[in-house]
Amino acid sequence: MVAVVALDLDGTLLRSDGSVSDRTVQILEECKHRGMRVVVATGRRIASSVRSLPPALQGCPSVYLNGAQVYLDGTCIHSEAIPLEDSLRVVDLIESRYPNCTLYADIGDRLYVNRPTEYPEALSIRRISDALVEPPLKMVVNLGPENGVACLAEEMPPSCRLIVTAGGAWGEVVAAPVSKATGLAVLLQRWGLTLADTIAFGDEMNDLEMVAESGIGVAMGNAVPALKAVADRVAPSNDEDGVACTLEALLRDELYTL
């Protein structure tokens, strides 16, 4: 029996225009009415996530920064940062080798970036290494139009992992044990549940473990092929209310007959 609905945001719960359909909100409310817990599991930080959620979904238990932070009832109950020495090694390598890179770092409750940006929470700083006085929870990098980020994988220290997204254009660096699945497991343990009790939805490589390890893993129609390959089923796209379609079938006990 499904007890938890875990939802990625971008490309999954959110349509391409950033909205959440009334149909999706209604079915999630019905899931909660039937005793299911709804969890947001996103690569975003807390402030960015809250801005994008409709009122009915505000305050949900949440996994942020790809699992590096977990919140329950408005309180951070788990965080796992990249070791400081290794984060400095990674940042020094990127900034010295790729001077045209864009590099973000979530450090404490602050977000830094090495060039001007319209991102409202980001503090622009010349070098991210200057801001690394405490371990970062997550770093995000783009090496410029001529360089994919996959080349950085072999440069990662054992304490870090690189998640390649956006077709190779962006890389997300977190501590090696961190994933949305491990973050979700922190919440599930609090509730006496496991990933087997969960239906999880995603579209990108940072959803891979969560979708693969959940009782029902759902890849959106717009998901990357690698995620579809590990999913139990593929839903319609985020712009076609894929989350709502799947949950409606689940509540009708028709999920496996579609």
Protein backbone atom coordinates (compact mmCIF):
# COMPACT_ATOMS: atom_id res chain seq x y z
CA MET A 1 0.00 0.00 0.00
CA VAL A 2 1.31 3.44 -0.91
CA ALA A 3 1.74 5.65 2.16
CA VAL A 4 3.95 8.45 0.75
CA VAL A 5 3.91 10.47 -2.47
CA ALA A 6 7.35 11.95 -3.24
CA LEU A 7 7.51 14.67 -5.86
CA ASP A 8 10.34 16.35 -7.68
CA LEU A 9 9.52 19.95 -8.62
CA ASP A 10 11.03 21.15 -11.92
CA GLY A 11 9.90 19.07 -14.88
CA THR A 12 7.66 16.96 -12.64
CA LEU A 13 5.18 18.68 -10.32
CA LEU A 14 5.74 22.06 -11.98
CA ARG A 15 4.64 22.67 -15.55
CA SER A 16 7.07 24.31 -17.94
CA ASP A 17 5.63 27.72 -17.01
CA GLY A 18 6.28 27.04 -13.31
CA SER A 19 2.64 26.49 -12.40
CA VAL A 20 0.90 23.57 -10.70
CA SER A 21 -2.47 22.66 -12.21
CA ASP A 22 -5.66 22.72 -10.15
CA ARG A 23 -6.15 19.08 -11.11
CA THR A 24 -2.81 18.16 -9.56
CA VAL A 25 -3.46 20.13 -6.38
CA GLN A 26 -6.85 18.46 -6.01
CA ILE A 27 -5.54 14.92 -6.35
CA LEU A 28 -2.72 15.62 -3.90
CA GLU A 29 -5.30 16.93 -1.43
CA GLU A 30 -7.27 13.73 -1.96
CA CYS A 31 -4.15 11.66 -1.30
CA LYS A 32 -3.63 13.50 1.98
CA HIS A 33 -7.31 13.05 2.85
CA ARG A 34 -6.81 9.30 2.43
CA GLY A 35 -3.90 9.33 4.86
CA MET A 36 -0.96 9.56 2.47
CA ARG A 37 1.93 11.89 3.19
CA VAL A 38 3.05 14.23 0.41
CA VAL A 39 6.78 15.01 0.28
CA VAL A 40 8.61 17.49 -1.95
CA ALA A 41 12.01 16.14 -3.05
CA THR A 42 13.97 18.68 -5.05
CA GLY A 43 17.42 19.88 -5.98
CA ARG A 44 16.33 23.40 -5.08
CA ARG A 45 17.06 25.18 -1.83
CA ILE A 46 14.23 25.94 0.59
CA ALA A 47 13.51 29.57 -0.40
CA SER A 48 13.30 28.77 -4.11
CA SER A 49 11.06 25.77 -3.46
CA VAL A 50 8.62 27.67 -1.26
CA ARG A 51 8.24 30.38 -3.90
CA SER A 52 7.06 27.84 -6.45
CA LEU A 53 4.56 25.87 -4.38
CA PRO A 54 0.85 26.69 -4.27
CA PRO A 55 -0.61 27.43 -0.81
CA ALA A 56 -2.10 23.94 -0.49
CA LEU A 57 1.39 22.41 -0.69
CA GLN A 58 3.22 24.85 1.55
CA GLY A 59 4.71 23.26 4.65
CA CYS A 60 5.02 19.75 3.22
CA PRO A 61 7.84 17.59 4.57
CA SER A 62 10.67 18.29 2.17
CA VAL A 63 13.97 17.01 0.86
CA TYR A 64 16.09 19.88 -0.46
CA LEU A 65 19.40 20.21 -2.30
CA ASN A 66 19.18 16.66 -3.69
CA GLY A 67 18.98 15.20 -0.20
CA ALA A 68 21.57 17.31 1.58
CA GLN A 69 18.83 18.91 3.72
CA VAL A 70 15.62 17.43 5.10
CA TYR A 71 12.83 19.48 6.71
CA LEU A 72 9.88 18.32 8.80
CA ASP A 73 7.34 20.69 10.37
CA GLY A 74 9.49 23.67 9.41
CA THR A 75 12.59 22.32 11.16
CA CYS A 76 15.77 20.97 9.57
CA ILE A 77 16.08 17.42 10.87
CA HIS A 78 19.03 16.33 8.73
CA SER A 79 21.86 17.91 6.77
CA GLU A 80 24.98 16.49 5.18
CA ALA A 81 27.62 18.79 3.73
CA ILE A 82 30.63 18.20 1.49
CA PRO A 83 33.84 18.06 3.56
CA LEU A 84 35.43 21.51 3.51
CA GLU A 85 38.90 20.46 2.37
CA ASP A 86 37.53 18.46 -0.54
CA SER A 87 35.09 21.20 -1.56
CA LEU A 88 38.01 23.63 -1.72
CA ARG A 89 39.90 21.19 -3.95
CA VAL A 90 36.95 20.91 -6.33
CA VAL A 91 36.30 24.66 -6.45
CA ASP A 92 39.98 25.54 -6.97
CA LEU A 93 40.19 23.06 -9.83
CA ILE A 94 37.06 24.40 -11.54
CA GLU A 95 37.86 28.10 -11.10
CA SER A 96 41.46 27.74 -12.24
CA ARG A 97 40.83 25.44 -15.20
CA TYR A 98 37.56 26.95 -16.44
CA PRO A 99 37.66 30.74 -15.96
CA ASN A 100 34.36 31.21 -17.82
CA CYS A 101 32.45 28.80 -15.60
CA THR A 102 29.35 29.61 -13.58
CA LEU A 103 29.59 28.17 -10.10
CA TYR A 104 27.03 28.25 -7.29
CA ALA A 105 27.58 27.10 -3.71
CA ASP A 106 25.01 26.61 -0.95
CA ILE A 107 26.87 27.37 2.28
CA GLY A 108 24.82 27.44 5.46
CA ASP A 109 21.71 29.46 4.68
CA ARG A 110 23.45 31.46 1.94
CA LEU A 111 23.82 30.96 -1.79
CA TYR A 112 26.92 32.31 -3.55
CA VAL A 113 27.67 32.60 -7.27
CA ASN A 114 30.86 33.68 -9.03
CA ARG A 115 29.21 36.05 -11.50
CA PRO A 116 26.22 38.42 -11.61
CA THR A 117 22.87 36.64 -11.69
CA GLU A 118 19.16 37.40 -11.48
CA TYR A 119 18.68 34.59 -8.97
CA PRO A 120 17.16 36.51 -6.02
CA GLU A 121 18.97 34.79 -3.14
CA ALA A 122 22.39 34.55 -4.76
CA LEU A 123 25.24 36.69 -3.49
CA SER A 124 27.73 37.49 -6.24
CA ILE A 125 31.37 36.93 -5.29
CA ARG A 126 34.49 36.91 -7.46
CA ARG A 127 35.69 33.50 -6.33
CA ILE A 128 33.58 30.86 -4.61
CA SER A 129 36.70 29.67 -2.78
CA ASP A 130 36.66 32.99 -0.87
CA ALA A 131 33.25 32.07 0.56
CA LEU A 132 34.19 28.54 1.60
CA VAL A 133 34.80 29.10 5.29
CA GLU A 134 32.41 26.26 6.16
CA PRO A 135 31.40 23.11 4.27
CA PRO A 136 28.92 23.61 1.42
CA LEU A 137 25.77 21.54 1.17
CA LYS A 138 25.71 21.61 -2.61
CA MET A 139 27.53 23.17 -5.54
CA VAL A 140 26.22 23.63 -9.09
CA VAL A 141 28.50 24.23 -12.06
CA ASN A 142 28.33 25.07 -15.74
CA LEU A 143 31.70 25.10 -17.52
CA GLY A 144 30.60 27.28 -20.42
CA PRO A 145 29.10 26.56 -23.85
CA GLU A 146 32.10 24.57 -25.12
CA ASN A 147 32.52 22.24 -22.15
CA GLY A 148 30.25 19.56 -20.77
CA VAL A 149 30.54 18.83 -17.07
CA ALA A 150 30.93 15.05 -17.32
CA CYS A 151 34.70 15.56 -17.57
CA LEU A 152 34.68 16.58 -13.91
CA ALA A 153 33.53 13.18 -12.69
CA GLU A 154 37.02 11.69 -12.58
CA GLU A 155 38.25 14.74 -10.65
CA MET A 156 35.81 14.27 -7.77
CA PRO A 157 37.34 13.21 -4.44
CA PRO A 158 35.80 10.07 -2.89
CA SER A 159 33.78 12.22 -0.49
CA CYS A 160 31.87 13.89 -3.38
CA ARG A 161 29.57 12.85 -6.17
CA LEU A 162 28.77 14.67 -9.40
CA ILE A 163 25.24 14.46 -10.82
CA VAL A 164 25.18 15.43 -14.49
CA THR A 165 21.94 17.15 -15.55
CA ALA A 166 20.47 19.21 -18.40
CA GLY A 167 22.02 16.99 -21.04
CA GLY A 168 25.50 17.44 -19.63
CA ALA A 169 25.44 21.23 -19.43
CA TRP A 170 25.18 21.40 -15.62
CA GLY A 171 26.68 19.41 -12.80
CA GLU A 172 25.44 19.19 -9.20
CA VAL A 173 28.03 18.28 -6.56
CA VAL A 174 26.93 16.85 -3.21
CA ALA A 175 28.49 14.69 -0.53
CA ALA A 176 29.00 11.12 -1.74
CA PRO A 177 26.27 9.51 0.44
CA VAL A 178 23.65 12.13 -0.50
CA SER A 179 20.72 11.51 -2.82
CA LYS A 180 17.02 12.23 -2.81
CA ALA A 181 16.53 8.58 -1.81
CA THR A 182 18.70 8.93 1.31
CA GLY A 183 17.01 12.20 2.25
CA LEU A 184 13.57 10.69 1.77
CA ALA A 185 14.62 7.70 3.88
CA VAL A 186 15.29 10.05 6.81
CA LEU A 187 11.65 11.14 6.76
CA LEU A 188 10.36 7.64 6.19
CA GLN A 189 12.26 6.32 9.19
CA ARG A 190 10.57 8.96 11.37
CA TRP A 191 7.20 7.59 10.22
CA GLY A 192 8.11 3.90 10.53
CA LEU A 193 8.04 3.50 6.75
CA THR A 194 10.48 2.60 3.98
CA LEU A 195 10.98 3.46 0.33
CA ALA A 196 8.85 0.41 -0.49
CA ASP A 197 5.86 2.37 0.87
CA THR A 198 6.47 5.25 -1.56
CA ILE A 199 5.43 6.32 -5.03
CA ALA A 200 8.08 8.71 -6.36
CA PHE A 201 7.97 10.97 -9.42
CA GLY A 202 10.91 12.55 -11.26
CA ASP A 203 12.38 13.57 -14.58
CA GLU A 204 16.15 14.12 -14.20
CA MET A 205 19.30 12.27 -13.15
CA ASN A 206 19.10 13.68 -9.63
CA ASP A 207 15.87 11.66 -9.25
CA LEU A 208 17.47 8.38 -10.27
CA GLU A 209 17.97 6.70 -6.89
CA MET A 210 14.61 7.86 -5.54
CA VAL A 211 12.68 6.56 -8.56
CA ALA A 212 14.69 3.31 -8.76
CA GLU A 213 14.41 2.45 -5.06
CA SER A 214 10.80 3.44 -4.33
CA GLY A 215 7.97 0.91 -4.29
CA ILE A 216 6.55 2.58 -7.40
CA GLY A 217 8.99 4.71 -9.37
CA VAL A 218 7.45 7.00 -11.98
CA ALA A 219 9.36 8.81 -14.71
CA MET A 220 7.61 11.68 -16.41
CA GLY A 221 7.04 11.56 -20.15
CA ASN A 222 9.61 14.35 -20.47
CA ALA A 223 12.17 12.50 -18.34
CA VAL A 224 15.69 11.64 -19.49
CA PRO A 225 16.03 8.13 -20.97
CA ALA A 226 18.18 6.84 -18.10
CA LEU A 227 15.41 7.61 -15.62
CA LYS A 228 12.74 5.98 -17.77
CA ALA A 229 14.94 2.88 -17.88
CA VAL A 230 14.80 2.38 -14.09
CA ALA A 231 11.18 3.48 -13.56
CA ASP A 232 8.27 1.12 -13.01
CA ARG A 233 6.13 3.20 -15.31
CA VAL A 234 6.28 6.32 -17.48
CA ALA A 235 3.60 8.95 -16.91
CA PRO A 236 2.44 11.67 -19.29
CA SER A 237 4.67 14.74 -19.24
CA ASN A 238 4.66 17.50 -16.64
CA ASP A 239 2.68 19.68 -19.07
CA GLU A 240 0.10 16.90 -19.47
CA ASP A 241 -0.62 16.51 -15.74
CA GLY A 242 1.39 13.29 -15.52
CA VAL A 243 1.45 13.37 -11.71
CA ALA A 244 -2.32 13.81 -11.51
CA CYS A 245 -3.03 11.12 -14.13
CA THR A 246 -0.92 8.59 -12.24
CA LEU A 247 -2.30 9.37 -8.80
CA GLU A 248 -5.88 9.30 -10.06
CA ALA A 249 -5.24 5.81 -11.41
CA LEU A 250 -3.61 4.82 -8.14
CA LEU A 251 -6.63 5.90 -6.10
CA ARG A 252 -8.93 3.99 -8.46
CA ASP A 253 -6.75 0.88 -8.03
CA GLU A 254 -6.13 0.99 -11.77
CA LEU A 255 -2.48 1.95 -11.84
CA TYR A 256 -1.27 -1.30 -13.38
CA THR A 257 -4.16 -1.67 -15.83
CA LEU A 258 -3.54 1.49 -17.84
